[in-house]
Amino acid sequence: MSKRENQANDRAAVLAALRTEQKRQERRRTLLVTAVVVVLVLVLGGITAAVLLRQQARNSTIAEAASTPIAGVKEYPNLARNHVEGAVTYPETPPVGGDHSETLTNCAVYTTPVKNEYAVHSLEHGAVWVTYSPDLPADQVAILTGVIGKNPYGLLSPFPGLSSPVVASAWGLQLTMTSASDPRLPAFVAKYANGPQTPEPGAACSGGVGAS
């Protein structure tokens, strides 16, 4: 065999070795990419499953809370819902629904009384209106603020002439309490803030008057 033929054979062998190594590296990359994809799928699947389980647990908790009666809640069915001008005389103090202004009170914490006709419109939009006697101790007011302050459907204000220190109202529903620490209060807020009693569920408790 000539020298030229030997060189050609050597080059062919080198090229064959390079192709073999290249294919081996490609297989490794493919295996590595496949392994990474599998791990990502497993991780994302685990995260999705955890999120779904948490959401399912939350929904179950909400459903359980919604179906659990709260002792002492009075119901006032068949309330009118007309928009009217001027003052309205309500049979309940504070009112739990009925004819009201076309303007609402923005859900927020107030340190002065709000207008009944405006607050009733807020109730129509799903607000829970917590009222308290103006002479309620400051530490009790702080508790109420903590319960209501961060809820987009929470409305808190003093109300002169209350028969109880604290009264929580939703549309057609009312709960009287002797203390802001009453455990029924957070349950009432959780159950009825934009709850099943709401005549206009999902309507915003904003865009009206007062704090926003």
C-alpha atoms as a PDB file:
ATOM      1  CA  MET A   1       0.000   0.000   0.000  1.00  0.00           C
ATOM      2  CA  SER A   2       1.358   3.379  -1.000  1.00  0.00           C
ATOM      3  CA  LYS A   3       2.075   6.233   1.370  1.00  0.00           C
ATOM      4  CA  ARG A   4      -0.787   8.234  -0.127  1.00  0.00           C
ATOM      5  CA  GLU A   5      -3.221   5.380   0.476  1.00  0.00           C
ATOM      6  CA  ASN A   6      -2.045   5.085   4.078  1.00  0.00           C
ATOM      7  CA  GLN A   7      -2.613   8.799   4.633  1.00  0.00           C
ATOM      8  CA  ALA A   8      -6.094   8.550   3.124  1.00  0.00           C
ATOM      9  CA  ASN A   9      -6.914   5.619   5.376  1.00  0.00           C
ATOM     10  CA  ASP A  10      -5.628   7.510   8.402  1.00  0.00           C
ATOM     11  CA  ARG A  11      -7.774  10.523   7.536  1.00  0.00           C
ATOM     12  CA  ALA A  12     -10.790   8.295   7.075  1.00  0.00           C
ATOM     13  CA  ALA A  13     -10.175   6.669  10.441  1.00  0.00           C
ATOM     14  CA  VAL A  14      -9.811  10.033  12.121  1.00  0.00           C
ATOM     15  CA  LEU A  15     -13.027  11.288  10.495  1.00  0.00           C
ATOM     16  CA  ALA A  16     -14.848   8.135  11.515  1.00  0.00           C
ATOM     17  CA  ALA A  17     -13.631   8.560  15.089  1.00  0.00           C
ATOM     18  CA  LEU A  18     -14.709  12.196  15.077  1.00  0.00           C
ATOM     19  CA  ARG A  19     -18.172  11.275  13.770  1.00  0.00           C
ATOM     20  CA  THR A  20     -18.486   8.570  16.387  1.00  0.00           C
ATOM     21  CA  GLU A  21     -17.501  11.008  19.150  1.00  0.00           C
ATOM     22  CA  GLN A  22     -19.876  13.636  17.758  1.00  0.00           C
ATOM     23  CA  LYS A  23     -22.761  11.171  17.767  1.00  0.00           C
ATOM     24  CA  ARG A  24     -21.860  10.127  21.326  1.00  0.00           C
ATOM     25  CA  GLN A  25     -21.899  13.770  22.453  1.00  0.00           C
ATOM     26  CA  GLU A  26     -25.221  14.382  20.690  1.00  0.00           C
ATOM     27  CA  ARG A  27     -26.721  11.372  22.474  1.00  0.00           C
ATOM     28  CA  ARG A  28     -25.432  12.735  25.785  1.00  0.00           C
ATOM     29  CA  ARG A  29     -26.941  16.149  25.130  1.00  0.00           C
ATOM     30  CA  THR A  30     -30.222  14.534  24.144  1.00  0.00           C
ATOM     31  CA  LEU A  31     -30.241  12.455  27.310  1.00  0.00           C
ATOM     32  CA  LEU A  32     -29.345  15.495  29.418  1.00  0.00           C
ATOM     33  CA  VAL A  33     -32.055  17.647  27.846  1.00  0.00           C
ATOM     34  CA  THR A  34     -34.567  14.842  28.273  1.00  0.00           C
ATOM     35  CA  ALA A  35     -33.603  14.439  31.931  1.00  0.00           C
ATOM     36  CA  VAL A  36     -33.926  18.190  32.536  1.00  0.00           C
ATOM     37  CA  VAL A  37     -37.331  18.263  30.847  1.00  0.00           C
ATOM     38  CA  VAL A  38     -38.519  15.305  32.915  1.00  0.00           C
ATOM     39  CA  VAL A  39     -37.334  16.979  36.133  1.00  0.00           C
ATOM     40  CA  LEU A  40     -39.037  20.258  35.175  1.00  0.00           C
ATOM     41  CA  VAL A  41     -42.261  18.443  34.348  1.00  0.00           C
ATOM     42  CA  LEU A  42     -42.159  16.652  37.684  1.00  0.00           C
ATOM     43  CA  VAL A  43     -41.389  19.875  39.585  1.00  0.00           C
ATOM     44  CA  LEU A  44     -44.066  21.884  37.784  1.00  0.00           C
ATOM     45  CA  GLY A  45     -46.503  19.032  38.195  1.00  0.00           C
ATOM     46  CA  GLY A  46     -45.777  18.952  41.917  1.00  0.00           C
ATOM     47  CA  ILE A  47     -46.206  22.711  42.240  1.00  0.00           C
ATOM     48  CA  THR A  48     -49.458  22.604  40.277  1.00  0.00           C
ATOM     49  CA  ALA A  49     -50.745  19.759  42.412  1.00  0.00           C
ATOM     50  CA  ALA A  50     -49.834  21.625  45.607  1.00  0.00           C
ATOM     51  CA  VAL A  51     -51.560  24.793  44.375  1.00  0.00           C
ATOM     52  CA  LEU A  52     -54.657  22.834  43.393  1.00  0.00           C
ATOM     53  CA  LEU A  53     -54.728  21.068  46.754  1.00  0.00           C
ATOM     54  CA  ARG A  54     -54.397  24.388  48.616  1.00  0.00           C
ATOM     55  CA  GLN A  55     -57.123  25.941  46.476  1.00  0.00           C
ATOM     56  CA  GLN A  56     -59.364  22.934  47.053  1.00  0.00           C
ATOM     57  CA  ALA A  57     -58.777  23.151  50.807  1.00  0.00           C
ATOM     58  CA  ARG A  58     -59.509  26.904  50.737  1.00  0.00           C
ATOM     59  CA  ASN A  59     -62.692  26.369  48.747  1.00  0.00           C
ATOM     60  CA  SER A  60     -63.782  23.664  51.178  1.00  0.00           C
ATOM     61  CA  THR A  61     -63.129  25.992  54.113  1.00  0.00           C
ATOM     62  CA  ILE A  62     -65.101  28.797  52.463  1.00  0.00           C
ATOM     63  CA  ALA A  63     -67.955  26.455  51.618  1.00  0.00           C
ATOM     64  CA  GLU A  64     -68.006  25.104  55.158  1.00  0.00           C
ATOM     65  CA  ALA A  65     -68.013  28.626  56.599  1.00  0.00           C
ATOM     66  CA  ALA A  66     -70.801  29.668  54.243  1.00  0.00           C
ATOM     67  CA  SER A  67     -72.962  26.718  55.278  1.00  0.00           C
ATOM     68  CA  THR A  68     -72.356  27.080  59.034  1.00  0.00           C
ATOM     69  CA  PRO A  69     -75.039  29.167  60.770  1.00  0.00           C
ATOM     70  CA  ILE A  70     -73.877  32.014  63.001  1.00  0.00           C
ATOM     71  CA  ALA A  71     -75.789  32.169  66.249  1.00  0.00           C
ATOM     72  CA  GLY A  72     -77.806  35.317  66.850  1.00  0.00           C
ATOM     73  CA  VAL A  73     -78.030  36.545  63.260  1.00  0.00           C
ATOM     74  CA  LYS A  74     -81.441  38.056  62.517  1.00  0.00           C
ATOM     75  CA  GLU A  75     -82.863  37.962  59.004  1.00  0.00           C
ATOM     76  CA  TYR A  76     -84.930  40.657  57.315  1.00  0.00           C
ATOM     77  CA  PRO A  77     -86.246  39.366  53.982  1.00  0.00           C
ATOM     78  CA  ASN A  78     -88.025  41.052  51.074  1.00  0.00           C
ATOM     79  CA  LEU A  79     -86.357  44.447  51.345  1.00  0.00           C
ATOM     80  CA  ALA A  80     -87.029  47.171  48.784  1.00  0.00           C
ATOM     81  CA  ARG A  81     -84.113  48.262  46.589  1.00  0.00           C
ATOM     82  CA  ASN A  82     -85.259  51.505  44.983  1.00  0.00           C
ATOM     83  CA  HIS A  83     -82.972  54.483  44.463  1.00  0.00           C
ATOM     84  CA  VAL A  84     -84.563  57.480  46.131  1.00  0.00           C
ATOM     85  CA  GLU A  85     -83.681  61.054  46.991  1.00  0.00           C
ATOM     86  CA  GLY A  86     -83.596  62.464  50.486  1.00  0.00           C
ATOM     87  CA  ALA A  87     -83.792  60.792  53.879  1.00  0.00           C
ATOM     88  CA  VAL A  88     -85.287  57.337  54.392  1.00  0.00           C
ATOM     89  CA  THR A  89     -86.846  56.130  57.651  1.00  0.00           C
ATOM     90  CA  TYR A  90     -85.572  52.638  58.341  1.00  0.00           C
ATOM     91  CA  PRO A  91     -87.236  50.249  60.812  1.00  0.00           C
ATOM     92  CA  GLU A  92     -83.894  48.774  61.927  1.00  0.00           C
ATOM     93  CA  THR A  93     -81.052  50.616  63.663  1.00  0.00           C
ATOM     94  CA  PRO A  94     -78.724  50.592  61.878  1.00  0.00           C
ATOM     95  CA  PRO A  95     -80.542  49.761  58.644  1.00  0.00           C
ATOM     96  CA  VAL A  96     -79.987  46.412  56.955  1.00  0.00           C
ATOM     97  CA  GLY A  97     -81.377  47.308  53.544  1.00  0.00           C
ATOM     98  CA  GLY A  98     -84.265  48.980  51.797  1.00  0.00           C
ATOM     99  CA  ASP A  99     -84.626  52.025  49.583  1.00  0.00           C
ATOM    100  CA  HIS A 100     -81.431  54.048  49.417  1.00  0.00           C
ATOM    101  CA  SER A 101     -79.471  56.741  47.642  1.00  0.00           C
ATOM    102  CA  GLU A 102     -77.964  56.089  44.238  1.00  0.00           C
ATOM    103  CA  THR A 103     -74.654  57.106  45.868  1.00  0.00           C
ATOM    104  CA  LEU A 104     -72.800  54.634  48.077  1.00  0.00           C
ATOM    105  CA  THR A 105     -70.323  55.004  50.915  1.00  0.00           C
ATOM    106  CA  ASN A 106     -66.917  53.660  49.899  1.00  0.00           C
ATOM    107  CA  CYS A 107     -66.004  50.642  51.980  1.00  0.00           C
ATOM    108  CA  ALA A 108     -63.378  51.819  54.476  1.00  0.00           C
ATOM    109  CA  VAL A 109     -62.830  52.644  58.146  1.00  0.00           C
ATOM    110  CA  TYR A 110     -64.498  55.870  59.310  1.00  0.00           C
ATOM    111  CA  THR A 111     -64.164  57.660  62.625  1.00  0.00           C
ATOM    112  CA  THR A 112     -67.346  59.702  62.150  1.00  0.00           C
ATOM    113  CA  PRO A 113     -70.875  58.507  61.305  1.00  0.00           C
ATOM    114  CA  VAL A 114     -71.751  57.868  57.657  1.00  0.00           C
ATOM    115  CA  LYS A 115     -75.061  58.548  55.965  1.00  0.00           C
ATOM    116  CA  ASN A 116     -77.578  55.697  56.260  1.00  0.00           C
ATOM    117  CA  GLU A 117     -78.889  56.007  52.722  1.00  0.00           C
ATOM    118  CA  TYR A 118     -75.362  55.792  51.328  1.00  0.00           C
ATOM    119  CA  ALA A 119     -74.333  52.882  53.565  1.00  0.00           C
ATOM    120  CA  VAL A 120     -77.418  50.876  52.561  1.00  0.00           C
ATOM    121  CA  HIS A 121     -76.318  51.177  48.947  1.00  0.00           C
ATOM    122  CA  SER A 122     -72.969  49.748  50.079  1.00  0.00           C
ATOM    123  CA  LEU A 123     -74.829  46.834  51.659  1.00  0.00           C
ATOM    124  CA  GLU A 124     -76.535  46.234  48.322  1.00  0.00           C
ATOM    125  CA  HIS A 125     -73.069  45.842  46.797  1.00  0.00           C
ATOM    126  CA  GLY A 126     -72.062  43.238  49.390  1.00  0.00           C
ATOM    127  CA  ALA A 127     -70.633  45.368  52.185  1.00  0.00           C
ATOM    128  CA  VAL A 128     -70.580  44.254  55.793  1.00  0.00           C
ATOM    129  CA  TRP A 129     -71.252  47.402  57.800  1.00  0.00           C
ATOM    130  CA  VAL A 130     -69.899  47.198  61.335  1.00  0.00           C
ATOM    131  CA  THR A 131     -71.132  49.991  63.568  1.00  0.00           C
ATOM    132  CA  TYR A 132     -70.199  50.763  67.148  1.00  0.00           C
ATOM    133  CA  SER A 133     -71.296  53.029  69.951  1.00  0.00           C
ATOM    134  CA  PRO A 134     -69.305  56.289  69.931  1.00  0.00           C
ATOM    135  CA  ASP A 135     -68.239  55.685  73.537  1.00  0.00           C
ATOM    136  CA  LEU A 136     -66.716  52.273  72.746  1.00  0.00           C
ATOM    137  CA  PRO A 137     -63.203  52.094  74.289  1.00  0.00           C
ATOM    138  CA  ALA A 138     -60.320  52.770  71.915  1.00  0.00           C
ATOM    139  CA  ASP A 139     -58.880  49.267  72.284  1.00  0.00           C
ATOM    140  CA  GLN A 140     -62.235  47.817  71.191  1.00  0.00           C
ATOM    141  CA  VAL A 141     -62.351  50.135  68.176  1.00  0.00           C
ATOM    142  CA  ALA A 142     -58.825  48.969  67.292  1.00  0.00           C
ATOM    143  CA  ILE A 143     -60.051  45.367  67.252  1.00  0.00           C
ATOM    144  CA  LEU A 144     -62.885  46.311  64.905  1.00  0.00           C
ATOM    145  CA  THR A 145     -60.457  48.163  62.655  1.00  0.00           C
ATOM    146  CA  GLY A 146     -58.261  45.078  62.495  1.00  0.00           C
ATOM    147  CA  VAL A 147     -61.192  42.911  61.432  1.00  0.00           C
ATOM    148  CA  ILE A 148     -62.599  45.342  58.871  1.00  0.00           C
ATOM    149  CA  GLY A 149     -59.661  47.436  57.693  1.00  0.00           C
ATOM    150  CA  LYS A 150     -58.227  45.140  55.005  1.00  0.00           C
ATOM    151  CA  ASN A 151     -61.510  43.805  53.652  1.00  0.00           C
ATOM    152  CA  PRO A 152     -62.564  45.432  50.352  1.00  0.00           C
ATOM    153  CA  TYR A 153     -66.184  44.918  51.400  1.00  0.00           C
ATOM    154  CA  GLY A 154     -65.747  46.079  54.994  1.00  0.00           C
ATOM    155  CA  LEU A 155     -67.343  49.300  56.237  1.00  0.00           C
ATOM    156  CA  LEU A 156     -66.752  50.530  59.793  1.00  0.00           C
ATOM    157  CA  SER A 157     -68.203  53.629  61.460  1.00  0.00           C
ATOM    158  CA  PRO A 158     -69.521  54.881  64.798  1.00  0.00           C
ATOM    159  CA  PHE A 159     -73.301  55.046  65.086  1.00  0.00           C
ATOM    160  CA  PRO A 160     -75.008  57.125  67.787  1.00  0.00           C
ATOM    161  CA  GLY A 161     -77.964  55.522  69.536  1.00  0.00           C
ATOM    162  CA  LEU A 162     -77.039  51.861  69.109  1.00  0.00           C
ATOM    163  CA  SER A 163     -78.792  49.445  71.435  1.00  0.00           C
ATOM    164  CA  SER A 164     -75.611  47.298  71.612  1.00  0.00           C
ATOM    165  CA  PRO A 165     -71.944  48.280  71.708  1.00  0.00           C
ATOM    166  CA  VAL A 166     -71.255  46.630  68.336  1.00  0.00           C
ATOM    167  CA  VAL A 167     -73.616  45.741  65.487  1.00  0.00           C
ATOM    168  CA  ALA A 168     -72.674  43.987  62.256  1.00  0.00           C
ATOM    169  CA  SER A 169     -75.027  44.332  59.303  1.00  0.00           C
ATOM    170  CA  ALA A 170     -75.193  42.859  55.814  1.00  0.00           C
ATOM    171  CA  TRP A 171     -78.069  43.126  53.365  1.00  0.00           C
ATOM    172  CA  GLY A 172     -81.066  41.653  55.197  1.00  0.00           C
ATOM    173  CA  LEU A 173     -78.932  40.369  58.097  1.00  0.00           C
ATOM    174  CA  GLN A 174     -77.836  41.748  61.450  1.00  0.00           C
ATOM    175  CA  LEU A 175     -75.852  40.603  64.476  1.00  0.00           C
ATOM    176  CA  THR A 176     -75.673  42.511  67.761  1.00  0.00           C
ATOM    177  CA  MET A 177     -72.684  42.052  70.079  1.00  0.00           C
ATOM    178  CA  THR A 178     -71.546  43.347  73.438  1.00  0.00           C
ATOM    179  CA  SER A 179     -67.839  43.271  72.588  1.00  0.00           C
ATOM    180  CA  ALA A 180     -65.549  43.723  69.608  1.00  0.00           C
ATOM    181  CA  SER A 181     -63.845  40.498  70.705  1.00  0.00           C
ATOM    182  CA  ASP A 182     -66.960  38.434  69.989  1.00  0.00           C
ATOM    183  CA  PRO A 183     -65.729  35.493  67.842  1.00  0.00           C
ATOM    184  CA  ARG A 184     -68.871  35.714  65.747  1.00  0.00           C
ATOM    185  CA  LEU A 185     -67.734  39.025  64.261  1.00  0.00           C
ATOM    186  CA  PRO A 186     -64.904  37.716  62.028  1.00  0.00           C
ATOM    187  CA  ALA A 187     -67.137  34.785  61.086  1.00  0.00           C
ATOM    188  CA  PHE A 188     -69.905  37.205  60.071  1.00  0.00           C
ATOM    189  CA  VAL A 189     -67.486  39.280  57.991  1.00  0.00           C
ATOM    190  CA  ALA A 190     -65.968  36.215  56.315  1.00  0.00           C
ATOM    191  CA  LYS A 191     -69.365  34.776  55.486  1.00  0.00           C
ATOM    192  CA  TYR A 192     -71.242  37.861  54.333  1.00  0.00           C
ATOM    193  CA  ALA A 193     -68.659  40.256  52.817  1.00  0.00           C
ATOM    194  CA  ASN A 194     -69.777  40.033  49.174  1.00  0.00           C
ATOM    195  CA  GLY A 195     -71.589  36.930  50.364  1.00  0.00           C
ATOM    196  CA  PRO A 196     -74.616  34.964  49.202  1.00  0.00           C
ATOM    197  CA  GLN A 197     -77.077  37.566  50.494  1.00  0.00           C
ATOM    198  CA  THR A 198     -75.654  40.273  48.206  1.00  0.00           C
ATOM    199  CA  PRO A 199     -78.271  41.639  45.765  1.00  0.00           C
ATOM    200  CA  GLU A 200     -75.529  42.776  43.360  1.00  0.00           C
ATOM    201  CA  PRO A 201     -72.676  40.293  43.850  1.00  0.00           C
ATOM    202  CA  GLY A 202     -69.322  41.428  42.540  1.00  0.00           C
ATOM    203  CA  ALA A 203     -70.277  45.104  42.389  1.00  0.00           C
ATOM    204  CA  ALA A 204     -67.515  47.348  43.705  1.00  0.00           C
ATOM    205  CA  CYS A 205     -67.818  48.966  47.113  1.00  0.00           C
ATOM    206  CA  SER A 206     -66.032  52.042  45.818  1.00  0.00           C
ATOM    207  CA  GLY A 207     -66.623  54.913  43.457  1.00  0.00           C
ATOM    208  CA  GLY A 208     -68.934  56.648  45.910  1.00  0.00           C
ATOM    209  CA  VAL A 209     -68.268  59.114  48.697  1.00  0.00           C
ATOM    210  CA  GLY A 210     -65.856  59.030  51.617  1.00  0.00           C
ATOM    211  CA  ALA A 211     -62.468  57.398  51.943  1.00  0.00           C
ATOM    212  CA  SER A 212     -61.310  55.295  49.008  1.00  0.00           C
END
